[in-house]
PDB file of N, CA and C in Angstrom:
ATOM      1  N   MET A   1       0.741  -1.111  -0.008  1.00  0.00           N
ATOM      2  CA  MET A   1       0.020  -0.053   0.092  1.00  0.00           C
ATOM      3  C   MET A   1       0.796   1.303   0.026  1.00  0.00           C
ATOM      4  N   LYS A   2       1.986   1.227   0.762  1.00  0.00           N
ATOM      5  CA  LYS A   2       2.626   2.485   0.990  1.00  0.00           C
ATOM      6  C   LYS A   2       3.265   2.862  -0.426  1.00  0.00           C
ATOM      7  N   HIS A   3       3.705   1.693  -1.241  1.00  0.00           N
ATOM      8  CA  HIS A   3       4.258   1.859  -2.537  1.00  0.00           C
ATOM      9  C   HIS A   3       3.316   2.650  -3.543  1.00  0.00           C
ATOM     10  N   LEU A   4       1.856   2.335  -3.417  1.00  0.00           N
ATOM     11  CA  LEU A   4       0.836   2.962  -4.145  1.00  0.00           C
ATOM     12  C   LEU A   4       0.580   4.421  -3.730  1.00  0.00           C
ATOM     13  N   GLU A   5       0.729   4.612  -2.406  1.00  0.00           N
ATOM     14  CA  GLU A   5       0.773   6.198  -2.023  1.00  0.00           C
ATOM     15  C   GLU A   5       1.767   6.716  -2.527  1.00  0.00           C
ATOM     16  N   SER A   6       2.941   6.275  -2.507  1.00  0.00           N
ATOM     17  CA  SER A   6       4.233   6.930  -2.963  1.00  0.00           C
ATOM     18  C   SER A   6       4.094   7.323  -4.323  1.00  0.00           C
ATOM     19  N   ARG A   7       3.515   6.509  -5.214  1.00  0.00           N
ATOM     20  CA  ARG A   7       3.368   6.654  -6.663  1.00  0.00           C
ATOM     21  C   ARG A   7       2.208   7.861  -7.038  1.00  0.00           C
ATOM     22  N   MET A   8       1.348   7.678  -6.042  1.00  0.00           N
ATOM     23  CA  MET A   8       0.120   8.834  -6.143  1.00  0.00           C
ATOM     24  C   MET A   8       0.754  10.050  -5.756  1.00  0.00           C
ATOM     25  N   GLN A   9       1.714  10.140  -4.867  1.00  0.00           N
ATOM     26  CA  GLN A   9       2.201  11.417  -4.369  1.00  0.00           C
ATOM     27  C   GLN A   9       3.130  12.044  -5.467  1.00  0.00           C
ATOM     28  N   VAL A  10       3.922  11.134  -6.044  1.00  0.00           N
ATOM     29  CA  VAL A  10       4.730  11.607  -7.199  1.00  0.00           C
ATOM     30  C   VAL A  10       3.929  12.138  -8.277  1.00  0.00           C
ATOM     31  N   GLN A  11       2.737  11.532  -8.469  1.00  0.00           N
ATOM     32  CA  GLN A  11       1.922  11.984  -9.631  1.00  0.00           C
ATOM     33  C   GLN A  11       1.282  13.380  -9.331  1.00  0.00           C
ATOM     34  N   CYS A  12       0.819  13.554  -7.984  1.00  0.00           N
ATOM     35  CA  CYS A  12       0.335  14.778  -7.450  1.00  0.00           C
ATOM     36  C   CYS A  12       1.570  15.967  -7.534  1.00  0.00           C
ATOM     37  N   VAL A  13       2.467  15.598  -7.006  1.00  0.00           N
ATOM     38  CA  VAL A  13       3.515  16.710  -6.980  1.00  0.00           C
ATOM     39  C   VAL A  13       4.062  17.163  -8.494  1.00  0.00           C
ATOM     40  N   LYS A  14       3.961  16.088  -9.221  1.00  0.00           N
ATOM     41  CA  LYS A  14       4.417  16.417 -10.705  1.00  0.00           C
ATOM     42  C   LYS A  14       3.336  17.369 -11.385  1.00  0.00           C
ATOM     43  N   TRP A  15       2.037  17.025 -11.274  1.00  0.00           N
ATOM     44  CA  TRP A  15       1.060  17.743 -11.730  1.00  0.00           C
ATOM     45  C   TRP A  15       0.957  19.175 -11.123  1.00  0.00           C
ATOM     46  N   PHE A  16       1.196  19.319  -9.803  1.00  0.00           N
ATOM     47  CA  PHE A  16       1.121  20.609  -9.248  1.00  0.00           C
ATOM     48  C   PHE A  16       2.140  21.416  -9.800  1.00  0.00           C
ATOM     49  N   ARG A  17       3.283  21.024 -10.013  1.00  0.00           N
ATOM     50  CA  ARG A  17       4.503  21.769 -10.354  1.00  0.00           C
ATOM     51  C   ARG A  17       4.265  22.269 -11.957  1.00  0.00           C
ATOM     52  N   LEU A  18       3.611  21.485 -12.654  1.00  0.00           N
ATOM     53  CA  LEU A  18       3.390  21.763 -14.092  1.00  0.00           C
ATOM     54  C   LEU A  18       2.277  22.844 -14.043  1.00  0.00           C
ATOM     55  N   GLN A  19       1.040  22.597 -13.305  1.00  0.00           N
ATOM     56  CA  GLN A  19      -0.155  23.429 -13.130  1.00  0.00           C
ATOM     57  C   GLN A  19       0.271  24.714 -12.470  1.00  0.00           C
ATOM     58  N   TYR A  20       0.997  24.880 -11.628  1.00  0.00           N
ATOM     59  CA  TYR A  20       1.326  25.898 -10.778  1.00  0.00           C
ATOM     60  C   TYR A  20       2.796  26.312 -10.736  1.00  0.00           C
ATOM     61  N   ARG A  21       3.451  26.441 -11.958  1.00  0.00           N
ATOM     62  CA  ARG A  21       4.769  26.686 -12.099  1.00  0.00           C
ATOM     63  C   ARG A  21       5.436  27.893 -11.156  1.00  0.00           C
ATOM     64  N   GLN A  22       4.547  28.958 -11.013  1.00  0.00           N
ATOM     65  CA  GLN A  22       5.113  30.025 -10.208  1.00  0.00           C
ATOM     66  C   GLN A  22       5.351  29.669  -8.753  1.00  0.00           C
ATOM     67  N   VAL A  23       4.431  28.779  -8.217  1.00  0.00           N
ATOM     68  CA  VAL A  23       4.407  28.547  -6.964  1.00  0.00           C
ATOM     69  C   VAL A  23       4.902  27.037  -6.613  1.00  0.00           C
ATOM     70  N   GLY A  24       5.256  26.452  -7.564  1.00  0.00           N
ATOM     71  CA  GLY A  24       5.477  24.913  -7.650  1.00  0.00           C
ATOM     72  C   GLY A  24       6.427  24.423  -6.371  1.00  0.00           C
ATOM     73  N   ASP A  25       7.392  25.184  -6.256  1.00  0.00           N
ATOM     74  CA  ASP A  25       8.435  24.946  -4.964  1.00  0.00           C
ATOM     75  C   ASP A  25       7.823  25.138  -3.643  1.00  0.00           C
ATOM     76  N   LEU A  26       6.581  25.536  -3.542  1.00  0.00           N
ATOM     77  CA  LEU A  26       5.890  25.877  -2.256  1.00  0.00           C
ATOM     78  C   LEU A  26       5.117  24.776  -1.756  1.00  0.00           C
ATOM     79  N   LEU A  27       5.127  23.800  -2.571  1.00  0.00           N
ATOM     80  CA  LEU A  27       4.465  22.501  -2.212  1.00  0.00           C
ATOM     81  C   LEU A  27       5.731  21.478  -1.887  1.00  0.00           C
ATOM     82  N   ILE A  28       5.768  21.156  -0.511  1.00  0.00           N
ATOM     83  CA  ILE A  28       6.898  20.273  -0.319  1.00  0.00           C
ATOM     84  C   ILE A  28       6.332  18.997   0.358  1.00  0.00           C
ATOM     85  N   HIS A  29       7.320  17.855   0.398  1.00  0.00           N
ATOM     86  CA  HIS A  29       6.943  16.682   1.029  1.00  0.00           C
ATOM     87  C   HIS A  29       7.618  16.639   2.437  1.00  0.00           C
ATOM     88  N   VAL A  30       7.028  16.314   3.439  1.00  0.00           N
ATOM     89  CA  VAL A  30       7.670  16.246   4.859  1.00  0.00           C
ATOM     90  C   VAL A  30       7.978  14.751   4.892  1.00  0.00           C
ATOM     91  N   PRO A  31       9.244  14.422   4.927  1.00  0.00           N
ATOM     92  CA  PRO A  31       9.756  12.906   4.873  1.00  0.00           C
ATOM     93  C   PRO A  31       9.757  12.580   6.422  1.00  0.00           C
ATOM     94  N   ASN A  32       8.665  12.318   6.874  1.00  0.00           N
ATOM     95  CA  ASN A  32       8.449  12.030   8.257  1.00  0.00           C
ATOM     96  C   ASN A  32       8.006  10.531   8.509  1.00  0.00           C
ATOM     97  N   GLY A  33       7.702   9.743   7.520  1.00  0.00           N
ATOM     98  CA  GLY A  33       7.200   8.479   7.727  1.00  0.00           C
ATOM     99  C   GLY A  33       8.387   7.412   7.295  1.00  0.00           C
ATOM    100  N   GLY A  34       8.006   6.046   7.214  1.00  0.00           N
ATOM    101  CA  GLY A  34       8.995   5.278   6.636  1.00  0.00           C
ATOM    102  C   GLY A  34       9.643   4.480   8.018  1.00  0.00           C
ATOM    103  N   SER A  35      10.150   3.236   7.357  1.00  0.00           N
ATOM    104  CA  SER A  35      10.815   2.458   8.158  1.00  0.00           C
ATOM    105  C   SER A  35      12.294   2.901   8.362  1.00  0.00           C
ATOM    106  N   ARG A  36      12.883   2.857   9.888  1.00  0.00           N
ATOM    107  CA  ARG A  36      14.078   3.272  10.070  1.00  0.00           C
ATOM    108  C   ARG A  36      14.673   2.414  11.090  1.00  0.00           C
ATOM    109  N   ASP A  37      16.112   2.408  11.154  1.00  0.00           N
ATOM    110  CA  ASP A  37      16.550   1.669  12.255  1.00  0.00           C
ATOM    111  C   ASP A  37      16.484   2.532  13.569  1.00  0.00           C
ATOM    112  N   LEU A  38      16.603   1.825  14.651  1.00  0.00           N
ATOM    113  CA  LEU A  38      16.527   2.597  15.951  1.00  0.00           C
ATOM    114  C   LEU A  38      17.357   3.967  15.981  1.00  0.00           C
ATOM    115  N   ARG A  39      18.604   3.799  15.679  1.00  0.00           N
ATOM    116  CA  ARG A  39      19.476   4.896  15.904  1.00  0.00           C
ATOM    117  C   ARG A  39      18.916   6.171  14.829  1.00  0.00           C
ATOM    118  N   THR A  40      18.573   5.865  13.720  1.00  0.00           N
ATOM    119  CA  THR A  40      18.221   6.906  12.690  1.00  0.00           C
ATOM    120  C   THR A  40      16.842   7.501  13.209  1.00  0.00           C
ATOM    121  N   ALA A  41      16.003   6.552  13.678  1.00  0.00           N
ATOM    122  CA  ALA A  41      14.622   7.104  14.292  1.00  0.00           C
ATOM    123  C   ALA A  41      15.099   8.043  15.428  1.00  0.00           C
ATOM    124  N   GLN A  42      15.976   7.739  16.485  1.00  0.00           N
ATOM    125  CA  GLN A  42      16.173   8.632  17.612  1.00  0.00           C
ATOM    126  C   GLN A  42      16.713   9.887  16.987  1.00  0.00           C
ATOM    127  N   ARG A  43      17.684   9.791  16.021  1.00  0.00           N
ATOM    128  CA  ARG A  43      18.164  11.023  15.617  1.00  0.00           C
ATOM    129  C   ARG A  43      17.054  11.885  14.830  1.00  0.00           C
ATOM    130  N   LEU A  44      16.288  11.302  14.104  1.00  0.00           N
ATOM    131  CA  LEU A  44      15.176  12.140  13.363  1.00  0.00           C
ATOM    132  C   LEU A  44      14.320  12.841  14.494  1.00  0.00           C
ATOM    133  N   LYS A  45      14.053  11.941  15.472  1.00  0.00           N
ATOM    134  CA  LYS A  45      13.024  12.377  16.453  1.00  0.00           C
ATOM    135  C   LYS A  45      13.626  13.852  17.250  1.00  0.00           C
ATOM    136  N   ALA A  46      14.913  13.488  17.463  1.00  0.00           N
ATOM    137  CA  ALA A  46      15.659  14.707  18.228  1.00  0.00           C
ATOM    138  C   ALA A  46      15.838  15.995  17.369  1.00  0.00           C
ATOM    139  N   GLU A  47      15.744  15.668  15.883  1.00  0.00           N
ATOM    140  CA  GLU A  47      15.806  16.742  14.903  1.00  0.00           C
ATOM    141  C   GLU A  47      14.339  17.504  14.733  1.00  0.00           C
ATOM    142  N   GLY A  48      13.467  16.852  15.203  1.00  0.00           N
ATOM    143  CA  GLY A  48      11.980  17.371  15.124  1.00  0.00           C
ATOM    144  C   GLY A  48      10.956  16.512  14.416  1.00  0.00           C
ATOM    145  N   VAL A  49      11.356  15.303  14.131  1.00  0.00           N
ATOM    146  CA  VAL A  49      10.190  14.621  13.297  1.00  0.00           C
ATOM    147  C   VAL A  49       9.147  14.426  14.329  1.00  0.00           C
ATOM    148  N   ILE A  50       7.916  14.486  14.002  1.00  0.00           N
ATOM    149  CA  ILE A  50       6.751  14.388  14.749  1.00  0.00           C
ATOM    150  C   ILE A  50       5.630  13.312  14.002  1.00  0.00           C
ATOM    151  N   PRO A  51       5.189  12.463  14.648  1.00  0.00           N
ATOM    152  CA  PRO A  51       4.291  11.270  14.127  1.00  0.00           C
ATOM    153  C   PRO A  51       3.023  12.193  13.717  1.00  0.00           C
ATOM    154  N   GLY A  52       2.462  11.782  12.403  1.00  0.00           N
ATOM    155  CA  GLY A  52       1.193  12.319  12.257  1.00  0.00           C
ATOM    156  C   GLY A  52       1.234  13.501  11.184  1.00  0.00           C
ATOM    157  N   VAL A  53       2.220  14.182  10.941  1.00  0.00           N
ATOM    158  CA  VAL A  53       2.601  15.368  10.190  1.00  0.00           C
ATOM    159  C   VAL A  53       2.151  14.747   8.779  1.00  0.00           C
ATOM    160  N   SER A  54       1.396  15.798   8.134  1.00  0.00           N
ATOM    161  CA  SER A  54       0.993  15.488   6.591  1.00  0.00           C
ATOM    162  C   SER A  54       1.987  15.114   5.774  1.00  0.00           C
ATOM    163  N   ASP A  55       1.550  14.526   4.558  1.00  0.00           N
ATOM    164  CA  ASP A  55       2.739  14.207   3.587  1.00  0.00           C
ATOM    165  C   ASP A  55       3.215  15.403   2.765  1.00  0.00           C
ATOM    166  N   LEU A  56       2.173  16.144   2.413  1.00  0.00           N
ATOM    167  CA  LEU A  56       2.540  17.366   1.729  1.00  0.00           C
ATOM    168  C   LEU A  56       2.031  18.659   2.352  1.00  0.00           C
ATOM    169  N   VAL A  57       2.833  19.713   2.294  1.00  0.00           N
ATOM    170  CA  VAL A  57       2.357  20.961   2.721  1.00  0.00           C
ATOM    171  C   VAL A  57       2.582  21.989   1.622  1.00  0.00           C
ATOM    172  N   LEU A  58       1.556  22.896   1.493  1.00  0.00           N
ATOM    173  CA  LEU A  58       1.628  23.965   0.693  1.00  0.00           C
ATOM    174  C   LEU A  58       1.804  25.199   1.424  1.00  0.00           C
ATOM    175  N   PHE A  59       2.887  25.952   1.402  1.00  0.00           N
ATOM    176  CA  PHE A  59       3.119  27.133   2.047  1.00  0.00           C
ATOM    177  C   PHE A  59       2.724  28.138   1.131  1.00  0.00           C
ATOM    178  N   MET A  60       1.321  28.236   0.979  1.00  0.00           N
ATOM    179  CA  MET A  60       0.759  29.363   0.298  1.00  0.00           C
ATOM    180  C   MET A  60      -0.609  29.846   1.147  1.00  0.00           C
ATOM    181  N   PRO A  61      -0.756  30.932   1.458  1.00  0.00           N
ATOM    182  CA  PRO A  61      -2.103  31.316   1.988  1.00  0.00           C
ATOM    183  C   PRO A  61      -3.058  31.529   0.883  1.00  0.00           C
ATOM    184  N   ASN A  62      -4.392  31.425   1.309  1.00  0.00           N
ATOM    185  CA  ASN A  62      -5.442  31.877   0.490  1.00  0.00           C
ATOM    186  C   ASN A  62      -6.305  32.881   1.190  1.00  0.00           C
ATOM    187  N   LEU A  63      -7.668  33.253   0.963  1.00  0.00           N
ATOM    188  CA  LEU A  63      -8.302  34.158   1.517  1.00  0.00           C
ATOM    189  C   LEU A  63      -8.626  33.757   3.044  1.00  0.00           C
ATOM    190  N   THR A  64      -8.939  32.375   3.071  1.00  0.00           N
ATOM    191  CA  THR A  64      -9.261  31.935   4.334  1.00  0.00           C
ATOM    192  C   THR A  64      -8.354  31.144   5.309  1.00  0.00           C
ATOM    193  N   HIS A  65      -7.146  30.692   4.587  1.00  0.00           N
ATOM    194  CA  HIS A  65      -6.258  29.839   5.359  1.00  0.00           C
ATOM    195  C   HIS A  65      -4.823  30.165   5.099  1.00  0.00           C
ATOM    196  N   HIS A  66      -4.008  29.910   6.251  1.00  0.00           N
ATOM    197  CA  HIS A  66      -2.576  30.223   6.151  1.00  0.00           C
ATOM    198  C   HIS A  66      -1.777  29.285   5.130  1.00  0.00           C
ATOM    199  N   GLY A  67      -2.145  28.088   4.831  1.00  0.00           N
ATOM    200  CA  GLY A  67      -1.604  27.162   4.056  1.00  0.00           C
ATOM    201  C   GLY A  67      -2.592  25.879   3.921  1.00  0.00           C
ATOM    202  N   LEU A  68      -1.927  24.889   3.272  1.00  0.00           N
ATOM    203  CA  LEU A  68      -2.759  23.730   3.196  1.00  0.00           C
ATOM    204  C   LEU A  68      -1.835  22.406   3.496  1.00  0.00           C
ATOM    205  N   PHE A  69      -2.322  21.476   4.375  1.00  0.00           N
ATOM    206  CA  PHE A  69      -1.770  20.280   4.657  1.00  0.00           C
ATOM    207  C   PHE A  69      -2.524  19.305   4.014  1.00  0.00           C
ATOM    208  N   ILE A  70      -1.814  18.275   3.463  1.00  0.00           N
ATOM    209  CA  ILE A  70      -2.397  17.205   2.553  1.00  0.00           C
ATOM    210  C   ILE A  70      -2.073  15.867   3.050  1.00  0.00           C
ATOM    211  N   GLU A  71      -2.856  15.008   3.426  1.00  0.00           N
ATOM    212  CA  GLU A  71      -2.557  13.644   3.704  1.00  0.00           C
ATOM    213  C   GLU A  71      -3.032  12.783   2.588  1.00  0.00           C
ATOM    214  N   LEU A  72      -2.175  11.855   2.076  1.00  0.00           N
ATOM    215  CA  LEU A  72      -2.456  10.923   0.961  1.00  0.00           C
ATOM    216  C   LEU A  72      -2.825   9.681   1.595  1.00  0.00           C
ATOM    217  N   LYS A  73      -3.681   9.035   1.180  1.00  0.00           N
ATOM    218  CA  LYS A  73      -4.217   7.694   1.537  1.00  0.00           C
ATOM    219  C   LYS A  73      -4.592   6.860   0.252  1.00  0.00           C
ATOM    220  N   ILE A  74      -4.450   5.612   0.308  1.00  0.00           N
ATOM    221  CA  ILE A  74      -4.921   4.547  -0.612  1.00  0.00           C
ATOM    222  C   ILE A  74      -6.059   3.964   0.101  1.00  0.00           C
ATOM    223  N   LYS A  75      -7.347   3.837  -0.403  1.00  0.00           N
ATOM    224  CA  LYS A  75      -8.246   2.974   0.202  1.00  0.00           C
ATOM    225  C   LYS A  75      -8.006   1.676   0.396  1.00  0.00           C
ATOM    226  N   PRO A  76      -8.339   0.992   1.391  1.00  0.00           N
ATOM    227  CA  PRO A  76      -9.088   1.542   2.686  1.00  0.00           C
ATOM    228  C   PRO A  76      -8.433   1.970   3.739  1.00  0.00           C
ATOM    229  N   ASN A  77      -7.193   2.304   3.457  1.00  0.00           N
ATOM    230  CA  ASN A  77      -6.507   3.047   4.564  1.00  0.00           C
ATOM    231  C   ASN A  77      -7.026   4.253   5.329  1.00  0.00           C
ATOM    232  N   LYS A  78      -6.770   4.305   6.486  1.00  0.00           N
ATOM    233  CA  LYS A  78      -7.372   5.578   7.207  1.00  0.00           C
ATOM    234  C   LYS A  78      -6.416   6.382   7.999  1.00  0.00           C
ATOM    235  N   GLN A  79      -6.697   7.347   8.512  1.00  0.00           N
ATOM    236  CA  GLN A  79      -5.793   8.194   9.161  1.00  0.00           C
ATOM    237  C   GLN A  79      -5.385   7.471  10.522  1.00  0.00           C
ATOM    238  N   SER A  80      -4.176   7.704  10.996  1.00  0.00           N
ATOM    239  CA  SER A  80      -3.683   7.095  12.451  1.00  0.00           C
ATOM    240  C   SER A  80      -4.245   8.037  13.286  1.00  0.00           C
ATOM    241  N   GLU A  81      -4.171   7.793  14.614  1.00  0.00           N
ATOM    242  CA  GLU A  81      -4.453   8.617  15.728  1.00  0.00           C
ATOM    243  C   GLU A  81      -3.534   9.908  15.649  1.00  0.00           C
ATOM    244  N   HIS A  82      -2.382   9.677  15.387  1.00  0.00           N
ATOM    245  CA  HIS A  82      -1.499  10.840  15.449  1.00  0.00           C
ATOM    246  C   HIS A  82      -1.877  11.689  14.335  1.00  0.00           C
ATOM    247  N   GLN A  83      -2.104  11.080  13.088  1.00  0.00           N
ATOM    248  CA  GLN A  83      -2.695  12.103  12.069  1.00  0.00           C
ATOM    249  C   GLN A  83      -3.985  12.764  12.244  1.00  0.00           C
ATOM    250  N   LYS A  84      -4.842  12.154  13.094  1.00  0.00           N
ATOM    251  CA  LYS A  84      -5.985  12.875  13.319  1.00  0.00           C
ATOM    252  C   LYS A  84      -5.784  14.036  14.485  1.00  0.00           C
ATOM    253  N   LYS A  85      -4.864  13.739  15.290  1.00  0.00           N
ATOM    254  CA  LYS A  85      -4.273  14.843  16.269  1.00  0.00           C
ATOM    255  C   LYS A  85      -3.751  15.929  15.467  1.00  0.00           C
ATOM    256  N   TRP A  86      -2.904  15.587  14.647  1.00  0.00           N
ATOM    257  CA  TRP A  86      -2.301  16.706  13.727  1.00  0.00           C
ATOM    258  C   TRP A  86      -3.287  17.637  12.983  1.00  0.00           C
ATOM    259  N   GLN A  87      -4.117  16.855  12.325  1.00  0.00           N
ATOM    260  CA  GLN A  87      -5.302  17.639  11.662  1.00  0.00           C
ATOM    261  C   GLN A  87      -6.105  18.564  12.607  1.00  0.00           C
ATOM    262  N   LEU A  88      -6.348  18.279  13.806  1.00  0.00           N
ATOM    263  CA  LEU A  88      -6.963  19.141  14.682  1.00  0.00           C
ATOM    264  C   LEU A  88      -6.278  20.275  15.096  1.00  0.00           C
ATOM    265  N   MET A  89      -4.914  19.904  15.370  1.00  0.00           N
ATOM    266  CA  MET A  89      -3.961  20.955  15.725  1.00  0.00           C
ATOM    267  C   MET A  89      -3.732  22.056  14.598  1.00  0.00           C
ATOM    268  N   VAL A  90      -3.593  21.762  13.244  1.00  0.00           N
ATOM    269  CA  VAL A  90      -3.392  22.529  12.236  1.00  0.00           C
ATOM    270  C   VAL A  90      -4.586  23.336  11.855  1.00  0.00           C
ATOM    271  N   GLU A  91      -5.764  22.697  11.841  1.00  0.00           N
ATOM    272  CA  GLU A  91      -7.103  23.437  11.643  1.00  0.00           C
ATOM    273  C   GLU A  91      -7.268  24.530  12.687  1.00  0.00           C
ATOM    274  N   ALA A  92      -6.850  24.282  13.999  1.00  0.00           N
ATOM    275  CA  ALA A  92      -7.163  25.106  15.101  1.00  0.00           C
ATOM    276  C   ALA A  92      -6.298  26.554  14.835  1.00  0.00           C
ATOM    277  N   MET A  93      -5.141  26.305  14.025  1.00  0.00           N
ATOM    278  CA  MET A  93      -4.268  27.339  13.771  1.00  0.00           C
ATOM    279  C   MET A  93      -4.637  27.991  12.445  1.00  0.00           C
ATOM    280  N   ASN A  94      -5.787  27.572  11.814  1.00  0.00           N
ATOM    281  CA  ASN A  94      -6.252  28.285  10.653  1.00  0.00           C
ATOM    282  C   ASN A  94      -5.621  27.728   9.456  1.00  0.00           C
ATOM    283  N   TYR A  95      -5.206  26.458   9.382  1.00  0.00           N
ATOM    284  CA  TYR A  95      -4.744  25.746   8.160  1.00  0.00           C
ATOM    285  C   TYR A  95      -5.605  24.868   7.481  1.00  0.00           C
ATOM    286  N   LYS A  96      -5.728  24.678   6.191  1.00  0.00           N
ATOM    287  CA  LYS A  96      -6.651  23.843   5.731  1.00  0.00           C
ATOM    288  C   LYS A  96      -6.032  22.491   5.701  1.00  0.00           C
ATOM    289  N   TYR A  97      -6.817  21.400   5.976  1.00  0.00           N
ATOM    290  CA  TYR A  97      -6.271  20.041   6.034  1.00  0.00           C
ATOM    291  C   TYR A  97      -7.196  19.429   5.042  1.00  0.00           C
ATOM    292  N   ALA A  98      -6.400  18.698   4.143  1.00  0.00           N
ATOM    293  CA  ALA A  98      -7.196  17.699   3.170  1.00  0.00           C
ATOM    294  C   ALA A  98      -6.784  16.274   3.275  1.00  0.00           C
ATOM    295  N   LEU A  99      -7.593  15.379   3.459  1.00  0.00           N
ATOM    296  CA  LEU A  99      -7.471  13.972   3.325  1.00  0.00           C
ATOM    297  C   LEU A  99      -7.752  13.411   1.852  1.00  0.00           C
ATOM    298  N   VAL A 100      -6.656  12.955   1.172  1.00  0.00           N
ATOM    299  CA  VAL A 100      -7.073  12.775  -0.113  1.00  0.00           C
ATOM    300  C   VAL A 100      -6.787  11.194  -0.517  1.00  0.00           C
ATOM    301  N   TYR A 101      -7.751  10.658  -1.243  1.00  0.00           N
ATOM    302  CA  TYR A 101      -7.771   9.354  -1.539  1.00  0.00           C
ATOM    303  C   TYR A 101      -7.476   8.812  -2.901  1.00  0.00           C
ATOM    304  N   SER A 102      -7.163   9.879  -3.853  1.00  0.00           N
ATOM    305  CA  SER A 102      -6.859   9.586  -5.311  1.00  0.00           C
ATOM    306  C   SER A 102      -6.300  11.032  -5.839  1.00  0.00           C
ATOM    307  N   PHE A 103      -5.545  10.598  -7.005  1.00  0.00           N
ATOM    308  CA  PHE A 103      -5.090  11.850  -7.831  1.00  0.00           C
ATOM    309  C   PHE A 103      -6.205  12.916  -8.121  1.00  0.00           C
ATOM    310  N   GLU A 104      -7.310  12.399  -8.531  1.00  0.00           N
ATOM    311  CA  GLU A 104      -8.497  13.308  -8.829  1.00  0.00           C
ATOM    312  C   GLU A 104      -8.944  14.085  -7.517  1.00  0.00           C
ATOM    313  N   ASP A 105      -8.959  13.325  -6.494  1.00  0.00           N
ATOM    314  CA  ASP A 105      -9.304  14.102  -5.116  1.00  0.00           C
ATOM    315  C   ASP A 105      -8.220  15.222  -4.907  1.00  0.00           C
ATOM    316  N   PHE A 106      -6.931  14.912  -5.245  1.00  0.00           N
ATOM    317  CA  PHE A 106      -5.825  15.940  -5.068  1.00  0.00           C
ATOM    318  C   PHE A 106      -6.082  17.233  -5.955  1.00  0.00           C
ATOM    319  N   ILE A 107      -6.456  16.760  -7.241  1.00  0.00           N
ATOM    320  CA  ILE A 107      -6.749  18.038  -8.048  1.00  0.00           C
ATOM    321  C   ILE A 107      -8.068  18.895  -7.539  1.00  0.00           C
ATOM    322  N   VAL A 108      -9.048  18.071  -7.028  1.00  0.00           N
ATOM    323  CA  VAL A 108     -10.201  18.960  -6.522  1.00  0.00           C
ATOM    324  C   VAL A 108      -9.790  19.880  -5.450  1.00  0.00           C
ATOM    325  N   GLN A 109      -9.135  19.318  -4.392  1.00  0.00           N
ATOM    326  CA  GLN A 109      -8.576  20.012  -3.209  1.00  0.00           C
ATOM    327  C   GLN A 109      -7.778  21.148  -3.529  1.00  0.00           C
ATOM    328  N   ILE A 110      -6.808  21.069  -4.489  1.00  0.00           N
ATOM    329  CA  ILE A 110      -6.013  22.115  -4.783  1.00  0.00           C
ATOM    330  C   ILE A 110      -6.647  23.141  -5.793  1.00  0.00           C
ATOM    331  N   GLU A 111      -7.418  22.677  -6.622  1.00  0.00           N
ATOM    332  CA  GLU A 111      -8.290  23.919  -7.346  1.00  0.00           C
ATOM    333  C   GLU A 111      -9.316  24.602  -6.458  1.00  0.00           C
ATOM    334  N   SER A 112      -9.875  23.840  -5.559  1.00  0.00           N
ATOM    335  CA  SER A 112     -10.636  24.492  -4.600  1.00  0.00           C
ATOM    336  C   SER A 112      -9.996  25.598  -3.737  1.00  0.00           C
ATOM    337  N   TYR A 113      -8.776  25.096  -3.024  1.00  0.00           N
ATOM    338  CA  TYR A 113      -7.953  26.048  -2.364  1.00  0.00           C
ATOM    339  C   TYR A 113      -7.630  27.024  -3.133  1.00  0.00           C
ATOM    340  N   PHE A 114      -7.144  27.058  -4.389  1.00  0.00           N
ATOM    341  CA  PHE A 114      -6.727  28.199  -5.207  1.00  0.00           C
ATOM    342  C   PHE A 114      -7.996  28.955  -5.753  1.00  0.00           C
ATOM    343  N   ASP A 115      -9.075  28.419  -5.821  1.00  0.00           N
ATOM    344  CA  ASP A 115     -10.333  29.415  -6.199  1.00  0.00           C
ATOM    345  C   ASP A 115     -10.830  30.385  -5.080  1.00  0.00           C
ATOM    346  N   ASN A 116     -10.065  30.172  -3.865  1.00  0.00           N
ATOM    347  CA  ASN A 116     -10.460  30.811  -2.702  1.00  0.00           C
ATOM    348  C   ASN A 116      -9.063  31.803  -2.450  1.00  0.00           C
ATOM    349  N   ALA A 117      -8.342  31.965  -3.435  1.00  0.00           N
ATOM    350  CA  ALA A 117      -6.900  32.733  -3.350  1.00  0.00           C
ATOM    351  C   ALA A 117      -7.238  34.280  -3.536  1.00  0.00           C
TER     352      ALA A 117
END
């Protein structure tokens, strides 16, 4: 499943950077997940890795939000408790949070976000 999410993420980022060239580099991936050995995991935690942080972050405000956090999932996967907690925290800080289950969902979320720019 993770491999499918990764492929979808690559497709989403590629599309975004082609569609929104002027701000393409404002959409970034947060390399927060994945399997790691204990030493690497400890180092990354000390560096600031936090469980639940979204896969993608768009550092661009619109009329109603400071930015957009995007969590990518392949059905039937669901958010973890850490991801739900993260969603509540960022929404409380006036960021938009989108849970996306397909490339088409991603396009809808991005276009909706930009329609409110």
